mmCIF file of all heavy atoms, coordinates in Angstrom:
data_MODEL
# 
_entry.id   MODEL 
# 
loop_
_atom_site.group_PDB 
_atom_site.id 
_atom_site.type_symbol 
_atom_site.label_atom_id 
_atom_site.label_alt_id 
_atom_site.label_comp_id 
_atom_site.label_asym_id 
_atom_site.label_entity_id 
_atom_site.label_seq_id 
_atom_site.pdbx_PDB_ins_code 
_atom_site.Cartn_x 
_atom_site.Cartn_y 
_atom_site.Cartn_z 
_atom_site.occupancy 
_atom_site.B_iso_or_equiv 
_atom_site.pdbx_formal_charge 
_atom_site.auth_seq_id 
_atom_site.auth_comp_id 
_atom_site.auth_asym_id 
_atom_site.auth_atom_id 
_atom_site.pdbx_PDB_model_num 
ATOM 1   N N   . ILE A 1 1  ? 3.117  20.671 10.557  1.00 0.00 ? 1  ILE A N   1 
ATOM 2   C CA  . ILE A 1 1  ? 3.613  19.335 10.030  1.00 0.00 ? 1  ILE A CA  1 
ATOM 3   C C   . ILE A 1 1  ? 2.877  19.128 8.669   1.00 0.00 ? 1  ILE A C   1 
ATOM 4   O O   . ILE A 1 1  ? 3.463  18.739 7.657   1.00 0.00 ? 1  ILE A O   1 
ATOM 5   C CB  . ILE A 1 1  ? 3.469  18.203 10.928  1.00 0.00 ? 1  ILE A CB  1 
ATOM 6   C CG1 . ILE A 1 1  ? 4.282  18.471 12.202  1.00 0.00 ? 1  ILE A CG1 1 
ATOM 7   C CG2 . ILE A 1 1  ? 3.848  16.928 10.286  1.00 0.00 ? 1  ILE A CG2 1 
ATOM 8   C CD1 . ILE A 1 1  ? 5.751  18.666 11.977  1.00 0.00 ? 1  ILE A CD1 1 
ATOM 9   N N   . ILE A 1 2  ? 1.604  19.317 8.626   1.00 0.00 ? 2  ILE A N   1 
ATOM 10  C CA  . ILE A 1 2  ? 0.843  19.038 7.374   1.00 0.00 ? 2  ILE A CA  1 
ATOM 11  C C   . ILE A 1 2  ? 1.295  20.058 6.286   1.00 0.00 ? 2  ILE A C   1 
ATOM 12  O O   . ILE A 1 2  ? 1.275  19.701 5.119   1.00 0.00 ? 2  ILE A O   1 
ATOM 13  C CB  . ILE A 1 2  ? -0.652 19.203 7.656   1.00 0.00 ? 2  ILE A CB  1 
ATOM 14  C CG1 . ILE A 1 2  ? -1.478 18.580 6.394   1.00 0.00 ? 2  ILE A CG1 1 
ATOM 15  C CG2 . ILE A 1 2  ? -1.176 20.574 7.918   1.00 0.00 ? 2  ILE A CG2 1 
ATOM 16  C CD1 . ILE A 1 2  ? -2.991 18.507 6.628   1.00 0.00 ? 2  ILE A CD1 1 
ATOM 17  N N   . GLY A 1 3  ? 1.644  21.303 6.729   1.00 0.00 ? 3  GLY A N   1 
ATOM 18  C CA  . GLY A 1 3  ? 2.210  22.181 5.828   1.00 0.00 ? 3  GLY A CA  1 
ATOM 19  C C   . GLY A 1 3  ? 3.517  21.793 5.189   1.00 0.00 ? 3  GLY A C   1 
ATOM 20  O O   . GLY A 1 3  ? 3.747  21.887 3.996   1.00 0.00 ? 3  GLY A O   1 
ATOM 21  N N   . TYR A 1 4  ? 4.387  21.289 6.057   1.00 0.00 ? 4  TYR A N   1 
ATOM 22  C CA  . TYR A 1 4  ? 5.672  20.755 5.592   1.00 0.00 ? 4  TYR A CA  1 
ATOM 23  C C   . TYR A 1 4  ? 5.447  19.579 4.609   1.00 0.00 ? 4  TYR A C   1 
ATOM 24  O O   . TYR A 1 4  ? 6.097  19.557 3.509   1.00 0.00 ? 4  TYR A O   1 
ATOM 25  C CB  . TYR A 1 4  ? 6.485  20.254 6.760   1.00 0.00 ? 4  TYR A CB  1 
ATOM 26  C CG  . TYR A 1 4  ? 7.057  21.311 7.728   1.00 0.00 ? 4  TYR A CG  1 
ATOM 27  C CD1 . TYR A 1 4  ? 7.207  21.051 9.068   1.00 0.00 ? 4  TYR A CD1 1 
ATOM 28  C CD2 . TYR A 1 4  ? 7.335  22.611 7.246   1.00 0.00 ? 4  TYR A CD2 1 
ATOM 29  C CE1 . TYR A 1 4  ? 7.762  22.008 9.871   1.00 0.00 ? 4  TYR A CE1 1 
ATOM 30  C CE2 . TYR A 1 4  ? 7.779  23.587 8.016   1.00 0.00 ? 4  TYR A CE2 1 
ATOM 31  C CZ  . TYR A 1 4  ? 8.005  23.234 9.408   1.00 0.00 ? 4  TYR A CZ  1 
ATOM 32  O OH  . TYR A 1 4  ? 8.458  24.215 10.263  1.00 0.00 ? 4  TYR A OH  1 
ATOM 33  N N   . ASP A 1 5  ? 4.617  18.574 5.069   1.00 0.00 ? 5  ASP A N   1 
ATOM 34  C CA  . ASP A 1 5  ? 4.408  17.413 4.175   1.00 0.00 ? 5  ASP A CA  1 
ATOM 35  C C   . ASP A 1 5  ? 3.698  17.826 2.883   1.00 0.00 ? 5  ASP A C   1 
ATOM 36  O O   . ASP A 1 5  ? 4.064  17.272 1.797   1.00 0.00 ? 5  ASP A O   1 
ATOM 37  C CB  . ASP A 1 5  ? 3.602  16.432 4.947   1.00 0.00 ? 5  ASP A CB  1 
ATOM 38  C CG  . ASP A 1 5  ? 4.375  15.796 6.103   1.00 0.00 ? 5  ASP A CG  1 
ATOM 39  O OD1 . ASP A 1 5  ? 5.610  16.086 6.217   1.00 0.00 ? 5  ASP A OD1 1 
ATOM 40  O OD2 . ASP A 1 5  ? 3.817  15.000 6.853   1.00 0.00 ? 5  ASP A OD2 1 
ATOM 41  N N   . GLY A 1 6  ? 2.694  18.662 2.977   1.00 0.00 ? 6  GLY A N   1 
ATOM 42  C CA  . GLY A 1 6  ? 2.061  19.160 1.699   1.00 0.00 ? 6  GLY A CA  1 
ATOM 43  C C   . GLY A 1 6  ? 2.986  19.876 0.771   1.00 0.00 ? 6  GLY A C   1 
ATOM 44  O O   . GLY A 1 6  ? 2.853  19.546 -0.449  1.00 0.00 ? 6  GLY A O   1 
ATOM 45  N N   . ALA A 1 7  ? 3.939  20.616 1.360   1.00 0.00 ? 7  ALA A N   1 
ATOM 46  C CA  . ALA A 1 7  ? 4.908  21.338 0.445   1.00 0.00 ? 7  ALA A CA  1 
ATOM 47  C C   . ALA A 1 7  ? 5.844  20.266 -0.216  1.00 0.00 ? 7  ALA A C   1 
ATOM 48  O O   . ALA A 1 7  ? 6.225  20.490 -1.370  1.00 0.00 ? 7  ALA A O   1 
ATOM 49  C CB  . ALA A 1 7  ? 5.694  22.322 1.290   1.00 0.00 ? 7  ALA A CB  1 
ATOM 50  N N   . ALA A 1 8  ? 6.200  19.207 0.481   1.00 0.00 ? 8  ALA A N   1 
ATOM 51  C CA  . ALA A 1 8  ? 7.023  18.227 -0.133  1.00 0.00 ? 8  ALA A CA  1 
ATOM 52  C C   . ALA A 1 8  ? 6.292  17.483 -1.240  1.00 0.00 ? 8  ALA A C   1 
ATOM 53  O O   . ALA A 1 8  ? 6.884  17.130 -2.272  1.00 0.00 ? 8  ALA A O   1 
ATOM 54  C CB  . ALA A 1 8  ? 7.441  17.180 1.004   1.00 0.00 ? 8  ALA A CB  1 
ATOM 55  N N   . TYR A 1 9  ? 5.008  17.241 -1.061  1.00 0.00 ? 9  TYR A N   1 
ATOM 56  C CA  . TYR A 1 9  ? 4.259  16.597 -2.177  1.00 0.00 ? 9  TYR A CA  1 
ATOM 57  C C   . TYR A 1 9  ? 4.054  17.542 -3.283  1.00 0.00 ? 9  TYR A C   1 
ATOM 58  O O   . TYR A 1 9  ? 4.222  17.097 -4.518  1.00 0.00 ? 9  TYR A O   1 
ATOM 59  C CB  . TYR A 1 9  ? 2.828  16.160 -1.621  1.00 0.00 ? 9  TYR A CB  1 
ATOM 60  C CG  . TYR A 1 9  ? 2.906  14.863 -0.751  1.00 0.00 ? 9  TYR A CG  1 
ATOM 61  C CD1 . TYR A 1 9  ? 2.443  14.950 0.566   1.00 0.00 ? 9  TYR A CD1 1 
ATOM 62  C CD2 . TYR A 1 9  ? 3.290  13.614 -1.298  1.00 0.00 ? 9  TYR A CD2 1 
ATOM 63  C CE1 . TYR A 1 9  ? 2.518  13.794 1.354   1.00 0.00 ? 9  TYR A CE1 1 
ATOM 64  C CE2 . TYR A 1 9  ? 3.379  12.518 -0.484  1.00 0.00 ? 9  TYR A CE2 1 
ATOM 65  C CZ  . TYR A 1 9  ? 2.924  12.585 0.821   1.00 0.00 ? 9  TYR A CZ  1 
ATOM 66  O OH  . TYR A 1 9  ? 2.951  11.433 1.602   1.00 0.00 ? 9  TYR A OH  1 
ATOM 67  N N   . ARG A 1 10 ? 3.835  18.779 -3.046  1.00 0.00 ? 10 ARG A N   1 
ATOM 68  C CA  . ARG A 1 10 ? 3.676  19.794 -4.058  1.00 0.00 ? 10 ARG A CA  1 
ATOM 69  C C   . ARG A 1 10 ? 4.901  19.916 -4.916  1.00 0.00 ? 10 ARG A C   1 
ATOM 70  O O   . ARG A 1 10 ? 4.873  19.932 -6.154  1.00 0.00 ? 10 ARG A O   1 
ATOM 71  C CB  . ARG A 1 10 ? 3.276  21.093 -3.512  1.00 0.00 ? 10 ARG A CB  1 
ATOM 72  C CG  . ARG A 1 10 ? 3.111  22.308 -4.523  1.00 0.00 ? 10 ARG A CG  1 
ATOM 73  C CD  . ARG A 1 10 ? 2.696  23.519 -3.859  1.00 0.00 ? 10 ARG A CD  1 
ATOM 74  N NE  . ARG A 1 10 ? 2.731  24.620 -4.813  1.00 0.00 ? 10 ARG A NE  1 
ATOM 75  C CZ  . ARG A 1 10 ? 1.829  24.895 -5.740  1.00 0.00 ? 10 ARG A CZ  1 
ATOM 76  N NH1 . ARG A 1 10 ? 0.812  24.013 -5.926  1.00 0.00 ? 10 ARG A NH1 1 
ATOM 77  N NH2 . ARG A 1 10 ? 1.895  25.925 -6.593  1.00 0.00 ? 10 ARG A NH2 1 
ATOM 78  N N   . SER A 1 11 ? 6.082  19.901 -4.235  1.00 0.00 ? 11 SER A N   1 
ATOM 79  C CA  . SER A 1 11 ? 7.376  20.088 -5.022  1.00 0.00 ? 11 SER A CA  1 
ATOM 80  C C   . SER A 1 11 ? 7.576  18.883 -5.869  1.00 0.00 ? 11 SER A C   1 
ATOM 81  O O   . SER A 1 11 ? 8.153  19.004 -6.991  1.00 0.00 ? 11 SER A O   1 
ATOM 82  C CB  . SER A 1 11 ? 8.478  20.219 -4.008  1.00 0.00 ? 11 SER A CB  1 
ATOM 83  O OG  . SER A 1 11 ? 8.648  19.062 -3.291  1.00 0.00 ? 11 SER A OG  1 
ATOM 84  N N   . GLN A 1 12 ? 7.088  17.766 -5.537  1.00 0.00 ? 12 GLN A N   1 
ATOM 85  C CA  . GLN A 1 12 ? 7.262  16.511 -6.327  1.00 0.00 ? 12 GLN A CA  1 
ATOM 86  C C   . GLN A 1 12 ? 6.366  16.628 -7.602  1.00 0.00 ? 12 GLN A C   1 
ATOM 87  O O   . GLN A 1 12 ? 6.777  16.286 -8.677  1.00 0.00 ? 12 GLN A O   1 
ATOM 88  C CB  . GLN A 1 12 ? 6.839  15.227 -5.560  1.00 0.00 ? 12 GLN A CB  1 
ATOM 89  C CG  . GLN A 1 12 ? 7.869  14.866 -4.424  1.00 0.00 ? 12 GLN A CG  1 
ATOM 90  C CD  . GLN A 1 12 ? 7.469  13.548 -3.824  1.00 0.00 ? 12 GLN A CD  1 
ATOM 91  O OE1 . GLN A 1 12 ? 7.724  12.525 -4.363  1.00 0.00 ? 12 GLN A OE1 1 
ATOM 92  N NE2 . GLN A 1 12 ? 6.909  13.628 -2.572  1.00 0.00 ? 12 GLN A NE2 1 
ATOM 93  N N   . LEU A 1 13 ? 5.132  17.164 -7.424  1.00 0.00 ? 13 LEU A N   1 
ATOM 94  C CA  . LEU A 1 13 ? 4.264  17.366 -8.554  1.00 0.00 ? 13 LEU A CA  1 
ATOM 95  C C   . LEU A 1 13 ? 4.840  18.368 -9.565  1.00 0.00 ? 13 LEU A C   1 
ATOM 96  O O   . LEU A 1 13 ? 4.738  18.208 -10.703 1.00 0.00 ? 13 LEU A O   1 
ATOM 97  C CB  . LEU A 1 13 ? 2.851  17.844 -7.980  1.00 0.00 ? 13 LEU A CB  1 
ATOM 98  C CG  . LEU A 1 13 ? 2.094  16.875 -7.223  1.00 0.00 ? 13 LEU A CG  1 
ATOM 99  C CD1 . LEU A 1 13 ? 0.836  17.610 -6.612  1.00 0.00 ? 13 LEU A CD1 1 
ATOM 100 C CD2 . LEU A 1 13 ? 1.623  15.649 -8.114  1.00 0.00 ? 13 LEU A CD2 1 
ATOM 101 N N   . LEU A 1 14 ? 5.483  19.445 -8.947  1.00 0.00 ? 14 LEU A N   1 
ATOM 102 C CA  . LEU A 1 14 ? 6.109  20.423 -9.834  1.00 0.00 ? 14 LEU A CA  1 
ATOM 103 C C   . LEU A 1 14 ? 7.285  19.857 -10.628 1.00 0.00 ? 14 LEU A C   1 
ATOM 104 O O   . LEU A 1 14 ? 7.620  20.341 -11.675 1.00 0.00 ? 14 LEU A O   1 
ATOM 105 C CB  . LEU A 1 14 ? 6.522  21.643 -8.980  1.00 0.00 ? 14 LEU A CB  1 
ATOM 106 C CG  . LEU A 1 14 ? 5.456  22.421 -8.462  1.00 0.00 ? 14 LEU A CG  1 
ATOM 107 C CD1 . LEU A 1 14 ? 5.987  23.549 -7.523  1.00 0.00 ? 14 LEU A CD1 1 
ATOM 108 C CD2 . LEU A 1 14 ? 4.517  23.054 -9.509  1.00 0.00 ? 14 LEU A CD2 1 
ATOM 109 N N   . GLU A 1 15 ? 7.946  18.810 -10.077 1.00 0.00 ? 15 GLU A N   1 
ATOM 110 C CA  . GLU A 1 15 ? 9.030  18.143 -10.752 1.00 0.00 ? 15 GLU A CA  1 
ATOM 111 C C   . GLU A 1 15 ? 8.534  17.171 -11.813 1.00 0.00 ? 15 GLU A C   1 
ATOM 112 O O   . GLU A 1 15 ? 9.344  16.554 -12.456 1.00 0.00 ? 15 GLU A O   1 
ATOM 113 C CB  . GLU A 1 15 ? 9.872  17.411 -9.793  1.00 0.00 ? 15 GLU A CB  1 
ATOM 114 C CG  . GLU A 1 15 ? 10.585 18.388 -8.767  1.00 0.00 ? 15 GLU A CG  1 
ATOM 115 C CD  . GLU A 1 15 ? 11.322 17.614 -7.634  1.00 0.00 ? 15 GLU A CD  1 
ATOM 116 O OE1 . GLU A 1 15 ? 11.297 16.400 -7.653  1.00 0.00 ? 15 GLU A OE1 1 
ATOM 117 O OE2 . GLU A 1 15 ? 11.935 18.231 -6.750  1.00 0.00 ? 15 GLU A OE2 1 
ATOM 118 N N   . ASN A 1 16 ? 7.200  17.042 -11.890 1.00 0.00 ? 16 ASN A N   1 
ATOM 119 C CA  . ASN A 1 16 ? 6.656  16.041 -12.898 1.00 0.00 ? 16 ASN A CA  1 
ATOM 120 C C   . ASN A 1 16 ? 7.131  14.611 -12.696 1.00 0.00 ? 16 ASN A C   1 
ATOM 121 O O   . ASN A 1 16 ? 7.542  13.974 -13.611 1.00 0.00 ? 16 ASN A O   1 
ATOM 122 C CB  . ASN A 1 16 ? 6.941  16.548 -14.289 1.00 0.00 ? 16 ASN A CB  1 
ATOM 123 C CG  . ASN A 1 16 ? 6.162  17.846 -14.569 1.00 0.00 ? 16 ASN A CG  1 
ATOM 124 O OD1 . ASN A 1 16 ? 4.959  17.980 -14.249 1.00 0.00 ? 16 ASN A OD1 1 
ATOM 125 N ND2 . ASN A 1 16 ? 6.923  18.723 -15.312 1.00 0.00 ? 16 ASN A ND2 1 
ATOM 126 N N   . ARG A 1 17 ? 7.301  14.141 -11.440 1.00 0.00 ? 17 ARG A N   1 
ATOM 127 C CA  . ARG A 1 17 ? 7.678  12.810 -11.108 1.00 0.00 ? 17 ARG A CA  1 
ATOM 128 C C   . ARG A 1 17 ? 6.752  11.804 -11.648 1.00 0.00 ? 17 ARG A C   1 
ATOM 129 O O   . ARG A 1 17 ? 5.512  12.003 -11.599 1.00 0.00 ? 17 ARG A O   1 
ATOM 130 C CB  . ARG A 1 17 ? 7.874  12.611 -9.591  1.00 0.00 ? 17 ARG A CB  1 
ATOM 131 C CG  . ARG A 1 17 ? 9.126  13.316 -9.084  1.00 0.00 ? 17 ARG A CG  1 
ATOM 132 C CD  . ARG A 1 17 ? 9.130  13.126 -7.555  1.00 0.00 ? 17 ARG A CD  1 
ATOM 133 N NE  . ARG A 1 17 ? 10.479 13.663 -6.966  1.00 0.00 ? 17 ARG A NE  1 
ATOM 134 C CZ  . ARG A 1 17 ? 11.462 12.797 -6.791  1.00 0.00 ? 17 ARG A CZ  1 
ATOM 135 N NH1 . ARG A 1 17 ? 11.355 11.536 -7.064  1.00 0.00 ? 17 ARG A NH1 1 
ATOM 136 N NH2 . ARG A 1 17 ? 12.563 13.326 -6.254  1.00 0.00 ? 17 ARG A NH2 1 
ATOM 137 N N   . LYS A 1 18 ? 7.253  10.608 -12.142 1.00 0.00 ? 18 LYS A N   1 
ATOM 138 C CA  . LYS A 1 18 ? 6.427  9.593  -12.576 1.00 0.00 ? 18 LYS A CA  1 
ATOM 139 C C   . LYS A 1 18 ? 5.709  8.915  -11.374 1.00 0.00 ? 18 LYS A C   1 
ATOM 140 O O   . LYS A 1 18 ? 4.583  8.474  -11.464 1.00 0.00 ? 18 LYS A O   1 
ATOM 141 C CB  . LYS A 1 18 ? 7.141  8.593  -13.326 1.00 0.00 ? 18 LYS A CB  1 
ATOM 142 C CG  . LYS A 1 18 ? 7.713  9.049  -14.686 1.00 0.00 ? 18 LYS A CG  1 
ATOM 143 C CD  . LYS A 1 18 ? 8.474  8.036  -15.459 1.00 0.00 ? 18 LYS A CD  1 
ATOM 144 C CE  . LYS A 1 18 ? 8.963  8.562  -16.778 1.00 0.00 ? 18 LYS A CE  1 
ATOM 145 N NZ  . LYS A 1 18 ? 9.791  7.492  -17.491 1.00 0.00 ? 18 LYS A NZ  1 
ATOM 146 N N   . GLU A 1 19 ? 6.431  8.793  -10.250 1.00 0.00 ? 19 GLU A N   1 
ATOM 147 C CA  . GLU A 1 19 ? 5.932  8.281  -9.017  1.00 0.00 ? 19 GLU A CA  1 
ATOM 148 C C   . GLU A 1 19 ? 6.128  9.171  -7.859  1.00 0.00 ? 19 GLU A C   1 
ATOM 149 O O   . GLU A 1 19 ? 7.280  9.697  -7.672  1.00 0.00 ? 19 GLU A O   1 
ATOM 150 C CB  . GLU A 1 19 ? 6.560  6.899  -8.691  1.00 0.00 ? 19 GLU A CB  1 
ATOM 151 C CG  . GLU A 1 19 ? 6.304  5.795  -9.750  1.00 0.00 ? 19 GLU A CG  1 
ATOM 152 C CD  . GLU A 1 19 ? 6.813  4.471  -9.348  1.00 0.00 ? 19 GLU A CD  1 
ATOM 153 O OE1 . GLU A 1 19 ? 7.355  4.369  -8.253  1.00 0.00 ? 19 GLU A OE1 1 
ATOM 154 O OE2 . GLU A 1 19 ? 6.713  3.495  -10.232 1.00 0.00 ? 19 GLU A OE2 1 
ATOM 155 N N   . ILE A 1 20 ? 5.192  9.441  -7.113  1.00 0.00 ? 20 ILE A N   1 
ATOM 156 C CA  . ILE A 1 20 ? 5.265  10.272 -5.954  1.00 0.00 ? 20 ILE A CA  1 
ATOM 157 C C   . ILE A 1 20 ? 5.771  9.533  -4.758  1.00 0.00 ? 20 ILE A C   1 
ATOM 158 O O   . ILE A 1 20 ? 5.216  8.455  -4.371  1.00 0.00 ? 20 ILE A O   1 
ATOM 159 C CB  . ILE A 1 20 ? 3.854  10.952 -5.632  1.00 0.00 ? 20 ILE A CB  1 
ATOM 160 C CG1 . ILE A 1 20 ? 3.364  11.748 -6.857  1.00 0.00 ? 20 ILE A CG1 1 
ATOM 161 C CG2 . ILE A 1 20 ? 3.935  11.879 -4.437  1.00 0.00 ? 20 ILE A CG2 1 
ATOM 162 C CD1 . ILE A 1 20 ? 4.222  12.839 -7.200  1.00 0.00 ? 20 ILE A CD1 1 
ATOM 163 N N   . LEU A 1 21 ? 6.754  10.030 -4.086  1.00 0.00 ? 21 LEU A N   1 
ATOM 164 C CA  . LEU A 1 21 ? 7.324  9.368  -2.925  1.00 0.00 ? 21 LEU A CA  1 
ATOM 165 C C   . LEU A 1 21 ? 6.501  9.687  -1.645  1.00 0.00 ? 21 LEU A C   1 
ATOM 166 O O   . LEU A 1 21 ? 6.068  10.785 -1.494  1.00 0.00 ? 21 LEU A O   1 
ATOM 167 C CB  . LEU A 1 21 ? 8.757  9.839  -2.691  1.00 0.00 ? 21 LEU A CB  1 
ATOM 168 C CG  . LEU A 1 21 ? 9.746  9.587  -3.788  1.00 0.00 ? 21 LEU A CG  1 
ATOM 169 C CD1 . LEU A 1 21 ? 11.135 10.240 -3.447  1.00 0.00 ? 21 LEU A CD1 1 
ATOM 170 C CD2 . LEU A 1 21 ? 9.964  8.155  -3.945  1.00 0.00 ? 21 LEU A CD2 1 
ATOM 171 N N   . PRO A 1 22 ? 6.290  8.665  -0.808  1.00 0.00 ? 22 PRO A N   1 
ATOM 172 C CA  . PRO A 1 22 ? 5.673  9.064  0.440   1.00 0.00 ? 22 PRO A CA  1 
ATOM 173 C C   . PRO A 1 22 ? 6.500  9.914  1.371   1.00 0.00 ? 22 PRO A C   1 
ATOM 174 O O   . PRO A 1 22 ? 7.786  9.863  1.270   1.00 0.00 ? 22 PRO A O   1 
ATOM 175 C CB  . PRO A 1 22 ? 5.458  7.608  1.151   1.00 0.00 ? 22 PRO A CB  1 
ATOM 176 C CG  . PRO A 1 22 ? 6.634  6.796  0.536   1.00 0.00 ? 22 PRO A CG  1 
ATOM 177 C CD  . PRO A 1 22 ? 6.792  7.251  -0.857  1.00 0.00 ? 22 PRO A CD  1 
ATOM 178 N N   . VAL A 1 23 ? 5.839  10.767 2.050   1.00 0.00 ? 23 VAL A N   1 
ATOM 179 C CA  . VAL A 1 23 ? 6.545  11.740 2.971   1.00 0.00 ? 23 VAL A CA  1 
ATOM 180 C C   . VAL A 1 23 ? 6.265  11.461 4.401   1.00 0.00 ? 23 VAL A C   1 
ATOM 181 O O   . VAL A 1 23 ? 5.043  11.333 4.719   1.00 0.00 ? 23 VAL A O   1 
ATOM 182 C CB  . VAL A 1 23 ? 6.116  13.228 2.569   1.00 0.00 ? 23 VAL A CB  1 
ATOM 183 C CG1 . VAL A 1 23 ? 6.871  14.220 3.548   1.00 0.00 ? 23 VAL A CG1 1 
ATOM 184 C CG2 . VAL A 1 23 ? 6.392  13.520 1.159   1.00 0.00 ? 23 VAL A CG2 1 
ATOM 185 N N   . MET A 1 24 ? 7.266  11.316 5.250   1.00 0.00 ? 24 MET A N   1 
ATOM 186 C CA  . MET A 1 24 ? 7.023  11.008 6.654   1.00 0.00 ? 24 MET A CA  1 
ATOM 187 C C   . MET A 1 24 ? 7.861  12.144 7.454   1.00 0.00 ? 24 MET A C   1 
ATOM 188 O O   . MET A 1 24 ? 9.036  12.426 7.153   1.00 0.00 ? 24 MET A O   1 
ATOM 189 C CB  . MET A 1 24 ? 7.647  9.678  6.973   1.00 0.00 ? 24 MET A CB  1 
ATOM 190 C CG  . MET A 1 24 ? 7.596  9.288  8.462   1.00 0.00 ? 24 MET A CG  1 
ATOM 191 S SD  . MET A 1 24 ? 8.805  8.123  9.067   1.00 0.00 ? 24 MET A SD  1 
ATOM 192 C CE  . MET A 1 24 ? 10.341 9.177  9.013   1.00 0.00 ? 24 MET A CE  1 
ATOM 193 N N   . THR A 1 25 ? 7.134  12.640 8.437   1.00 0.00 ? 25 THR A N   1 
ATOM 194 C CA  . THR A 1 25 ? 7.798  13.611 9.334   1.00 0.00 ? 25 THR A CA  1 
ATOM 195 C C   . THR A 1 25 ? 7.577  13.224 10.829  1.00 0.00 ? 25 THR A C   1 
ATOM 196 O O   . THR A 1 25 ? 6.435  12.947 11.177  1.00 0.00 ? 25 THR A O   1 
ATOM 197 C CB  . THR A 1 25 ? 7.196  15.037 9.121   1.00 0.00 ? 25 THR A CB  1 
ATOM 198 O OG1 . THR A 1 25 ? 7.505  15.389 7.768   1.00 0.00 ? 25 THR A OG1 1 
ATOM 199 C CG2 . THR A 1 25 ? 7.948  16.025 10.077  1.00 0.00 ? 25 THR A CG2 1 
ATOM 200 N N   . ILE A 1 26 ? 8.628  13.193 11.573  1.00 0.00 ? 26 ILE A N   1 
ATOM 201 C CA  . ILE A 1 26 ? 8.449  12.955 12.950  1.00 0.00 ? 26 ILE A CA  1 
ATOM 202 C C   . ILE A 1 26 ? 8.903  14.128 13.833  1.00 0.00 ? 26 ILE A C   1 
ATOM 203 O O   . ILE A 1 26 ? 9.755  14.825 13.398  1.00 0.00 ? 26 ILE A O   1 
ATOM 204 C CB  . ILE A 1 26 ? 9.238  11.671 13.452  1.00 0.00 ? 26 ILE A CB  1 
ATOM 205 C CG1 . ILE A 1 26 ? 10.770 11.801 13.253  1.00 0.00 ? 26 ILE A CG1 1 
ATOM 206 C CG2 . ILE A 1 26 ? 8.741  10.407 12.745  1.00 0.00 ? 26 ILE A CG2 1 
ATOM 207 C CD1 . ILE A 1 26 ? 11.629 10.669 13.776  1.00 0.00 ? 26 ILE A CD1 1 
ATOM 208 N N   . VAL A 1 27 ? 8.317  14.258 14.975  1.00 0.00 ? 27 VAL A N   1 
ATOM 209 C CA  . VAL A 1 27 ? 8.636  15.368 15.855  1.00 0.00 ? 27 VAL A CA  1 
ATOM 210 C C   . VAL A 1 27 ? 9.433  14.804 17.127  1.00 0.00 ? 27 VAL A C   1 
ATOM 211 O O   . VAL A 1 27 ? 8.875  13.837 17.722  1.00 0.00 ? 27 VAL A O   1 
ATOM 212 C CB  . VAL A 1 27 ? 7.431  16.155 16.400  1.00 0.00 ? 27 VAL A CB  1 
ATOM 213 C CG1 . VAL A 1 27 ? 7.818  17.203 17.337  1.00 0.00 ? 27 VAL A CG1 1 
ATOM 214 C CG2 . VAL A 1 27 ? 6.700  16.792 15.170  1.00 0.00 ? 27 VAL A CG2 1 
ATOM 215 N N   . LEU A 1 28 ? 10.595 15.372 17.345  1.00 0.00 ? 28 LEU A N   1 
ATOM 216 C CA  . LEU A 1 28 ? 11.322 15.032 18.515  1.00 0.00 ? 28 LEU A CA  1 
ATOM 217 C C   . LEU A 1 28 ? 11.075 16.045 19.605  1.00 0.00 ? 28 LEU A C   1 
ATOM 218 O O   . LEU A 1 28 ? 11.515 17.122 19.414  1.00 0.00 ? 28 LEU A O   1 
ATOM 219 C CB  . LEU A 1 28 ? 12.825 14.913 18.219  1.00 0.00 ? 28 LEU A CB  1 
ATOM 220 C CG  . LEU A 1 28 ? 13.245 13.913 17.070  1.00 0.00 ? 28 LEU A CG  1 
ATOM 221 C CD1 . LEU A 1 28 ? 14.804 13.903 16.951  1.00 0.00 ? 28 LEU A CD1 1 
ATOM 222 C CD2 . LEU A 1 28 ? 12.578 12.604 17.257  1.00 0.00 ? 28 LEU A CD2 1 
ATOM 223 N N   . TYR A 1 29 ? 10.457 15.654 20.666  1.00 0.00 ? 29 TYR A N   1 
ATOM 224 C CA  . TYR A 1 29 ? 10.128 16.531 21.749  1.00 0.00 ? 29 TYR A CA  1 
ATOM 225 C C   . TYR A 1 29 ? 11.161 16.372 22.926  1.00 0.00 ? 29 TYR A C   1 
ATOM 226 O O   . TYR A 1 29 ? 11.210 15.280 23.451  1.00 0.00 ? 29 TYR A O   1 
ATOM 227 C CB  . TYR A 1 29 ? 8.663  16.269 22.263  1.00 0.00 ? 29 TYR A CB  1 
ATOM 228 C CG  . TYR A 1 29 ? 8.257  17.063 23.506  1.00 0.00 ? 29 TYR A CG  1 
ATOM 229 C CD1 . TYR A 1 29 ? 8.398  18.409 23.535  1.00 0.00 ? 29 TYR A CD1 1 
ATOM 230 C CD2 . TYR A 1 29 ? 7.852  16.359 24.600  1.00 0.00 ? 29 TYR A CD2 1 
ATOM 231 C CE1 . TYR A 1 29 ? 8.003  19.143 24.665  1.00 0.00 ? 29 TYR A CE1 1 
ATOM 232 C CE2 . TYR A 1 29 ? 7.475  17.071 25.790  1.00 0.00 ? 29 TYR A CE2 1 
ATOM 233 C CZ  . TYR A 1 29 ? 7.546  18.441 25.846  1.00 0.00 ? 29 TYR A CZ  1 
ATOM 234 O OH  . TYR A 1 29 ? 7.239  19.160 27.011  1.00 0.00 ? 29 TYR A OH  1 
# 
């Protein structure tokens, strides 16, 4: 999960966003 969320933040940085969006992931068991 931390890998998924980290990749989502990284992709936003690569897009040179002015504001970084919060990332939320939930697991359905």
